[in-house]
C-alpha atoms as a PDB file:
ATOM      1  CA  UNK A   1       0.000   0.000   0.000  1.00  0.00           C
ATOM      2  CA  UNK A   2       1.247   3.501  -0.766  1.00  0.00           C
ATOM      3  CA  UNK A   3       0.342   6.744   0.997  1.00  0.00           C
ATOM      4  CA  UNK A   4      -1.245   8.208  -2.109  1.00  0.00           C
ATOM      5  CA  UNK A   5      -3.321   5.051  -2.428  1.00  0.00           C
ATOM      6  CA  UNK A   6      -4.211   4.752   1.245  1.00  0.00           C
ATOM      7  CA  UNK A   7      -7.749   3.487   1.904  1.00  0.00           C
ATOM      8  CA  UNK A   8     -10.228   6.309   1.328  1.00  0.00           C
ATOM      9  CA  UNK A   9      -7.622   8.688  -0.093  1.00  0.00           C
ATOM     10  CA  UNK A  10      -7.310   9.662  -3.764  1.00  0.00           C
ATOM     11  CA  UNK A  11      -4.344   8.399  -5.777  1.00  0.00           C
ATOM     12  CA  UNK A  12      -1.334  10.570  -6.529  1.00  0.00           C
ATOM     13  CA  UNK A  13      -1.214   9.461 -10.161  1.00  0.00           C
ATOM     14  CA  UNK A  14      -3.805   8.883 -12.860  1.00  0.00           C
ATOM     15  CA  UNK A  15      -4.569   5.715 -14.819  1.00  0.00           C
ATOM     16  CA  UNK A  16      -2.735   7.109 -17.844  1.00  0.00           C
ATOM     17  CA  UNK A  17       0.599   7.518 -16.068  1.00  0.00           C
ATOM     18  CA  UNK A  18       3.284   5.252 -17.499  1.00  0.00           C
ATOM     19  CA  UNK A  19       5.754   5.607 -14.629  1.00  0.00           C
ATOM     20  CA  UNK A  20       5.314   3.664 -11.418  1.00  0.00           C
ATOM     21  CA  UNK A  21       4.033   5.716  -8.502  1.00  0.00           C
ATOM     22  CA  UNK A  22       6.529   6.389  -5.686  1.00  0.00           C
ATOM     23  CA  UNK A  23       6.259   3.930  -2.830  1.00  0.00           C
ATOM     24  CA  UNK A  24       5.307   4.883   0.700  1.00  0.00           C
ATOM     25  CA  UNK A  25       7.924   4.290   3.378  1.00  0.00           C
ATOM     26  CA  UNK A  26       8.299   4.531   7.135  1.00  0.00           C
ATOM     27  CA  UNK A  27      10.219   7.392   8.766  1.00  0.00           C
ATOM     28  CA  UNK A  28      11.491   5.671  11.958  1.00  0.00           C
ATOM     29  CA  UNK A  29      12.058   7.983  14.902  1.00  0.00           C
ATOM     30  CA  UNK A  30      15.631   6.800  15.442  1.00  0.00           C
ATOM     31  CA  UNK A  31      16.685   8.194  12.051  1.00  0.00           C
ATOM     32  CA  UNK A  32      19.362  10.881  11.956  1.00  0.00           C
ATOM     33  CA  UNK A  33      17.097  13.271  10.014  1.00  0.00           C
ATOM     34  CA  UNK A  34      14.918  13.871  13.097  1.00  0.00           C
ATOM     35  CA  UNK A  35      15.916  16.548  15.623  1.00  0.00           C
ATOM     36  CA  UNK A  36      14.254  18.024  18.709  1.00  0.00           C
ATOM     37  CA  UNK A  37      13.584  21.714  19.319  1.00  0.00           C
ATOM     38  CA  UNK A  38      11.486  23.828  21.641  1.00  0.00           C
ATOM     39  CA  UNK A  39      10.951  23.978  25.390  1.00  0.00           C
ATOM     40  CA  UNK A  40      10.704  21.041  27.745  1.00  0.00           C
ATOM     41  CA  UNK A  41      12.184  17.591  28.037  1.00  0.00           C
ATOM     42  CA  UNK A  42      13.593  15.635  25.111  1.00  0.00           C
ATOM     43  CA  UNK A  43      10.890  13.283  23.752  1.00  0.00           C
ATOM     44  CA  UNK A  44      10.798   9.589  24.565  1.00  0.00           C
ATOM     45  CA  UNK A  45      11.259   7.733  21.292  1.00  0.00           C
ATOM     46  CA  UNK A  46      12.157   4.410  19.763  1.00  0.00           C
ATOM     47  CA  UNK A  47      12.071   3.521  16.034  1.00  0.00           C
ATOM     48  CA  UNK A  48       8.283   3.060  15.964  1.00  0.00           C
ATOM     49  CA  UNK A  49       6.860   5.245  18.750  1.00  0.00           C
ATOM     50  CA  UNK A  50       7.234   8.810  19.984  1.00  0.00           C
ATOM     51  CA  UNK A  51       5.961  10.469  23.166  1.00  0.00           C
ATOM     52  CA  UNK A  52       6.168  14.261  23.540  1.00  0.00           C
ATOM     53  CA  UNK A  53       5.367  16.077  26.771  1.00  0.00           C
ATOM     54  CA  UNK A  54       4.253  19.715  26.636  1.00  0.00           C
ATOM     55  CA  UNK A  55       4.523  21.675  29.866  1.00  0.00           C
ATOM     56  CA  UNK A  56       2.228  24.503  30.989  1.00  0.00           C
ATOM     57  CA  UNK A  57       1.985  27.360  28.495  1.00  0.00           C
ATOM     58  CA  UNK A  58       3.481  25.558  25.496  1.00  0.00           C
ATOM     59  CA  UNK A  59       1.618  26.755  22.398  1.00  0.00           C
ATOM     60  CA  UNK A  60       2.081  28.214  18.922  1.00  0.00           C
ATOM     61  CA  UNK A  61      -0.311  31.020  17.962  1.00  0.00           C
ATOM     62  CA  UNK A  62      -0.018  34.622  16.747  1.00  0.00           C
ATOM     63  CA  UNK A  63      -2.831  37.109  17.311  1.00  0.00           C
ATOM     64  CA  UNK A  64      -1.234  40.507  18.088  1.00  0.00           C
ATOM     65  CA  UNK A  65      -2.978  42.359  20.879  1.00  0.00           C
ATOM     66  CA  UNK A  66      -4.942  39.270  21.887  1.00  0.00           C
ATOM     67  CA  UNK A  67      -2.880  36.130  22.393  1.00  0.00           C
ATOM     68  CA  UNK A  68       0.616  35.148  21.277  1.00  0.00           C
ATOM     69  CA  UNK A  69       2.725  32.072  22.037  1.00  0.00           C
ATOM     70  CA  UNK A  70       5.769  30.751  20.216  1.00  0.00           C
ATOM     71  CA  UNK A  71       7.094  27.723  22.088  1.00  0.00           C
ATOM     72  CA  UNK A  72       6.132  24.083  21.537  1.00  0.00           C
ATOM     73  CA  UNK A  73       8.227  20.931  21.947  1.00  0.00           C
ATOM     74  CA  UNK A  74       8.577  19.176  18.592  1.00  0.00           C
ATOM     75  CA  UNK A  75      10.548  16.531  16.784  1.00  0.00           C
ATOM     76  CA  UNK A  76      11.115  17.676  13.218  1.00  0.00           C
ATOM     77  CA  UNK A  77      12.808  17.032   9.895  1.00  0.00           C
ATOM     78  CA  UNK A  78      13.284  18.856   6.579  1.00  0.00           C
ATOM     79  CA  UNK A  79      11.245  17.720   3.570  1.00  0.00           C
ATOM     80  CA  UNK A  80      11.981  18.726  -0.025  1.00  0.00           C
ATOM     81  CA  UNK A  81       9.458  19.058  -2.823  1.00  0.00           C
ATOM     82  CA  UNK A  82       6.014  17.538  -3.191  1.00  0.00           C
ATOM     83  CA  UNK A  83       5.052  14.961  -0.589  1.00  0.00           C
ATOM     84  CA  UNK A  84       2.376  13.213   1.432  1.00  0.00           C
ATOM     85  CA  UNK A  85       2.965  12.632   5.144  1.00  0.00           C
ATOM     86  CA  UNK A  86       0.675  10.864   7.591  1.00  0.00           C
ATOM     87  CA  UNK A  87       0.896   9.855  11.230  1.00  0.00           C
ATOM     88  CA  UNK A  88      -1.335   8.560  14.015  1.00  0.00           C
ATOM     89  CA  UNK A  89      -1.587  10.610  17.208  1.00  0.00           C
ATOM     90  CA  UNK A  90      -3.196   9.983  20.591  1.00  0.00           C
ATOM     91  CA  UNK A  91      -3.484  12.872  23.051  1.00  0.00           C
ATOM     92  CA  UNK A  92      -3.478  12.564  26.828  1.00  0.00           C
ATOM     93  CA  UNK A  93      -4.939  15.885  27.961  1.00  0.00           C
ATOM     94  CA  UNK A  94      -7.690  17.166  30.235  1.00  0.00           C
ATOM     95  CA  UNK A  95      -8.122  20.867  29.406  1.00  0.00           C
ATOM     96  CA  UNK A  96      -9.211  23.058  26.518  1.00  0.00           C
ATOM     97  CA  UNK A  97      -6.373  23.500  24.035  1.00  0.00           C
ATOM     98  CA  UNK A  98      -4.465  20.354  24.998  1.00  0.00           C
ATOM     99  CA  UNK A  99      -3.367  18.897  21.670  1.00  0.00           C
ATOM    100  CA  UNK A 100      -0.857  17.025  19.575  1.00  0.00           C
ATOM    101  CA  UNK A 101      -0.286  16.890  15.841  1.00  0.00           C
ATOM    102  CA  UNK A 102       1.734  18.059  12.846  1.00  0.00           C
ATOM    103  CA  UNK A 103       3.272  21.502  12.341  1.00  0.00           C
ATOM    104  CA  UNK A 104       4.874  22.642   9.072  1.00  0.00           C
ATOM    105  CA  UNK A 105       7.158  25.676   8.793  1.00  0.00           C
ATOM    106  CA  UNK A 106       8.177  27.308   5.511  1.00  0.00           C
ATOM    107  CA  UNK A 107       9.926  30.578   4.703  1.00  0.00           C
ATOM    108  CA  UNK A 108       6.704  32.574   5.056  1.00  0.00           C
ATOM    109  CA  UNK A 109       5.081  31.156   8.172  1.00  0.00           C
ATOM    110  CA  UNK A 110       3.639  27.905   9.476  1.00  0.00           C
ATOM    111  CA  UNK A 111       0.540  25.783   9.792  1.00  0.00           C
ATOM    112  CA  UNK A 112      -0.491  23.090  12.223  1.00  0.00           C
ATOM    113  CA  UNK A 113      -3.144  20.375  12.313  1.00  0.00           C
ATOM    114  CA  UNK A 114      -3.856  18.644  15.584  1.00  0.00           C
ATOM    115  CA  UNK A 115      -6.151  16.521  17.693  1.00  0.00           C
ATOM    116  CA  UNK A 116      -7.342  19.084  20.247  1.00  0.00           C
ATOM    117  CA  UNK A 117      -9.651  19.215  23.258  1.00  0.00           C
ATOM    118  CA  UNK A 118     -12.494  21.659  22.667  1.00  0.00           C
ATOM    119  CA  UNK A 119     -14.081  24.151  25.059  1.00  0.00           C
ATOM    120  CA  UNK A 120     -17.064  21.826  25.389  1.00  0.00           C
ATOM    121  CA  UNK A 121     -14.827  18.995  26.567  1.00  0.00           C
ATOM    122  CA  UNK A 122     -14.875  16.916  23.391  1.00  0.00           C
ATOM    123  CA  UNK A 123     -12.207  16.384  20.756  1.00  0.00           C
ATOM    124  CA  UNK A 124     -11.812  17.703  17.212  1.00  0.00           C
ATOM    125  CA  UNK A 125      -9.302  18.185  14.423  1.00  0.00           C
ATOM    126  CA  UNK A 126      -8.148  21.813  14.593  1.00  0.00           C
ATOM    127  CA  UNK A 127      -6.030  23.675  12.010  1.00  0.00           C
ATOM    128  CA  UNK A 128      -4.175  26.973  12.297  1.00  0.00           C
ATOM    129  CA  UNK A 129      -2.525  28.779   9.370  1.00  0.00           C
ATOM    130  CA  UNK A 130      -0.233  31.650  10.405  1.00  0.00           C
ATOM    131  CA  UNK A 131       1.275  33.986   7.740  1.00  0.00           C
ATOM    132  CA  UNK A 132       1.962  35.797  10.045  1.00  0.00           C
ATOM    133  CA  UNK A 133      -1.399  36.216  11.831  1.00  0.00           C
ATOM    134  CA  UNK A 134      -3.046  32.951  12.885  1.00  0.00           C
ATOM    135  CA  UNK A 135      -6.235  31.855  11.122  1.00  0.00           C
ATOM    136  CA  UNK A 136      -7.843  29.089  13.203  1.00  0.00           C
ATOM    137  CA  UNK A 137     -10.521  26.613  12.103  1.00  0.00           C
ATOM    138  CA  UNK A 138     -12.240  23.729  13.878  1.00  0.00           C
ATOM    139  CA  UNK A 139     -12.677  20.686  11.654  1.00  0.00           C
ATOM    140  CA  UNK A 140     -14.303  17.270  12.124  1.00  0.00           C
ATOM    141  CA  UNK A 141     -15.367  16.198  15.625  1.00  0.00           C
ATOM    142  CA  UNK A 142     -13.707  13.062  16.993  1.00  0.00           C
ATOM    143  CA  UNK A 143     -15.177  10.334  19.154  1.00  0.00           C
ATOM    144  CA  UNK A 144     -11.930   9.969  21.119  1.00  0.00           C
ATOM    145  CA  UNK A 145      -8.625  11.851  21.550  1.00  0.00           C
ATOM    146  CA  UNK A 146      -6.928  10.118  18.638  1.00  0.00           C
ATOM    147  CA  UNK A 147      -6.820  10.252  14.848  1.00  0.00           C
ATOM    148  CA  UNK A 148      -4.574   9.706  11.872  1.00  0.00           C
ATOM    149  CA  UNK A 149      -3.571  13.016  10.282  1.00  0.00           C
ATOM    150  CA  UNK A 150      -2.395  13.496   6.692  1.00  0.00           C
ATOM    151  CA  UNK A 151      -0.805  16.524   5.028  1.00  0.00           C
ATOM    152  CA  UNK A 152      -0.033  16.648   1.319  1.00  0.00           C
ATOM    153  CA  UNK A 153       1.785  19.268  -0.729  1.00  0.00           C
ATOM    154  CA  UNK A 154       2.091  20.086  -4.425  1.00  0.00           C
ATOM    155  CA  UNK A 155       4.153  23.214  -5.067  1.00  0.00           C
ATOM    156  CA  UNK A 156       2.581  25.922  -2.920  1.00  0.00           C
ATOM    157  CA  UNK A 157      -0.691  24.100  -2.349  1.00  0.00           C
ATOM    158  CA  UNK A 158      -1.243  22.133   0.862  1.00  0.00           C
ATOM    159  CA  UNK A 159      -4.206  20.013   1.951  1.00  0.00           C
ATOM    160  CA  UNK A 160      -5.106  18.263   5.193  1.00  0.00           C
ATOM    161  CA  UNK A 161      -7.106  15.059   5.787  1.00  0.00           C
ATOM    162  CA  UNK A 162      -7.946  12.974   8.852  1.00  0.00           C
ATOM    163  CA  UNK A 163      -9.477   9.635   9.781  1.00  0.00           C
ATOM    164  CA  UNK A 164     -10.403   8.181  13.153  1.00  0.00           C
ATOM    165  CA  UNK A 165      -9.437   4.559  12.507  1.00  0.00           C
ATOM    166  CA  UNK A 166      -6.585   3.075  10.516  1.00  0.00           C
ATOM    167  CA  UNK A 167      -8.043   1.723   7.287  1.00  0.00           C
ATOM    168  CA  UNK A 168     -11.104   3.954   7.606  1.00  0.00           C
ATOM    169  CA  UNK A 169     -12.300   6.669   5.269  1.00  0.00           C
ATOM    170  CA  UNK A 170     -10.229   9.843   4.983  1.00  0.00           C
ATOM    171  CA  UNK A 171     -12.104  13.077   5.645  1.00  0.00           C
ATOM    172  CA  UNK A 172     -11.135  16.362   4.017  1.00  0.00           C
ATOM    173  CA  UNK A 173     -10.230  19.080   6.530  1.00  0.00           C
ATOM    174  CA  UNK A 174      -8.704  22.063   4.746  1.00  0.00           C
ATOM    175  CA  UNK A 175      -6.688  23.282   1.757  1.00  0.00           C
ATOM    176  CA  UNK A 176      -4.620  26.466   1.395  1.00  0.00           C
ATOM    177  CA  UNK A 177      -1.555  27.969  -0.296  1.00  0.00           C
ATOM    178  CA  UNK A 178       1.883  28.316   1.278  1.00  0.00           C
ATOM    179  CA  UNK A 179       4.461  30.963   0.488  1.00  0.00           C
ATOM    180  CA  UNK A 180       6.751  29.037  -1.862  1.00  0.00           C
ATOM    181  CA  UNK A 181       7.945  25.744  -3.306  1.00  0.00           C
ATOM    182  CA  UNK A 182      11.169  25.449  -1.260  1.00  0.00           C
ATOM    183  CA  UNK A 183      11.960  23.068   1.567  1.00  0.00           C
ATOM    184  CA  UNK A 184       9.616  22.816   4.548  1.00  0.00           C
ATOM    185  CA  UNK A 185      10.204  21.654   8.091  1.00  0.00           C
ATOM    186  CA  UNK A 186       7.688  19.063   9.325  1.00  0.00           C
ATOM    187  CA  UNK A 187       7.395  18.581  13.086  1.00  0.00           C
ATOM    188  CA  UNK A 188       5.382  16.450  15.472  1.00  0.00           C
ATOM    189  CA  UNK A 189       4.366  18.380  18.586  1.00  0.00           C
ATOM    190  CA  UNK A 190       2.357  18.604  21.782  1.00  0.00           C
ATOM    191  CA  UNK A 191       0.850  21.730  23.362  1.00  0.00           C
ATOM    192  CA  UNK A 192      -0.665  22.680  26.714  1.00  0.00           C
ATOM    193  CA  UNK A 193      -1.623  26.366  26.520  1.00  0.00           C
ATOM    194  CA  UNK A 194      -3.900  26.437  29.587  1.00  0.00           C
ATOM    195  CA  UNK A 195      -3.150  23.246  31.538  1.00  0.00           C
ATOM    196  CA  UNK A 196      -0.340  21.859  33.673  1.00  0.00           C
ATOM    197  CA  UNK A 197       0.806  19.443  30.949  1.00  0.00           C
ATOM    198  CA  UNK A 198      -0.250  17.410  27.922  1.00  0.00           C
ATOM    199  CA  UNK A 199       1.285  14.378  26.241  1.00  0.00           C
ATOM    200  CA  UNK A 200       1.003  13.370  22.577  1.00  0.00           C
ATOM    201  CA  UNK A 201       1.903   9.844  21.456  1.00  0.00           C
ATOM    202  CA  UNK A 202       2.698   9.214  17.779  1.00  0.00           C
ATOM    203  CA  UNK A 203       2.937   6.090  15.641  1.00  0.00           C
ATOM    204  CA  UNK A 204       5.731   5.858  13.086  1.00  0.00           C
ATOM    205  CA  UNK A 205       4.992   8.319  10.236  1.00  0.00           C
ATOM    206  CA  UNK A 206       4.486   7.234   6.637  1.00  0.00           C
ATOM    207  CA  UNK A 207       5.858   9.299   3.737  1.00  0.00           C
ATOM    208  CA  UNK A 208       5.736   9.358  -0.057  1.00  0.00           C
ATOM    209  CA  UNK A 209       7.498  11.967  -2.284  1.00  0.00           C
ATOM    210  CA  UNK A 210       4.352  12.842  -4.234  1.00  0.00           C
ATOM    211  CA  UNK A 211       1.190  14.845  -3.664  1.00  0.00           C
ATOM    212  CA  UNK A 212      -2.334  13.476  -3.731  1.00  0.00           C
ATOM    213  CA  UNK A 213      -3.844  14.051  -7.153  1.00  0.00           C
ATOM    214  CA  UNK A 214      -7.282  14.873  -5.670  1.00  0.00           C
ATOM    215  CA  UNK A 215      -6.991  17.179  -2.675  1.00  0.00           C
ATOM    216  CA  UNK A 216     -10.744  17.469  -2.020  1.00  0.00           C
END
């Protein structure tokens, strides 16, 4: 199975393509391409699991005059060109804003998609695009504090999908344009803006160097 042909997701190539589609591969957490940055303790990781602890106040958001925060613990790596990246995340949090997910930085800003606890006490997929002011959107509701998140990029265009169970149907979350076609920095993070702490646990990510052909 390849990432662009994951169950419920559109293929990255069309039936008329003569070349074989790129194959999906694991990105084990013990690889040298991963590095930690941000506040807090170094994550607990082995090749196939990652646990990140966010301490009180860790968040990433920019709303001048209202609320600003710029420190989250994350394990990240540089990615070149078009790609599709997906990972499972489970969040152990008790307060509004506790979350874990994917953050992507480019030369013009950043965006994040995460499994986040809502004000009502439930869970949802939340996205924030910041270039430089943060534009926040609440996506699909979740039955539990876990989901598989997928981000895909073709040139400047990015799209986000999610699904609650491995092998289930992907749900479209959001699409938007980035600032350029250069390298990006993909990170896995946890945040705890208003609580004492929050932990995010990640499965080994899956990666393919191609974008989804259908991003809706």
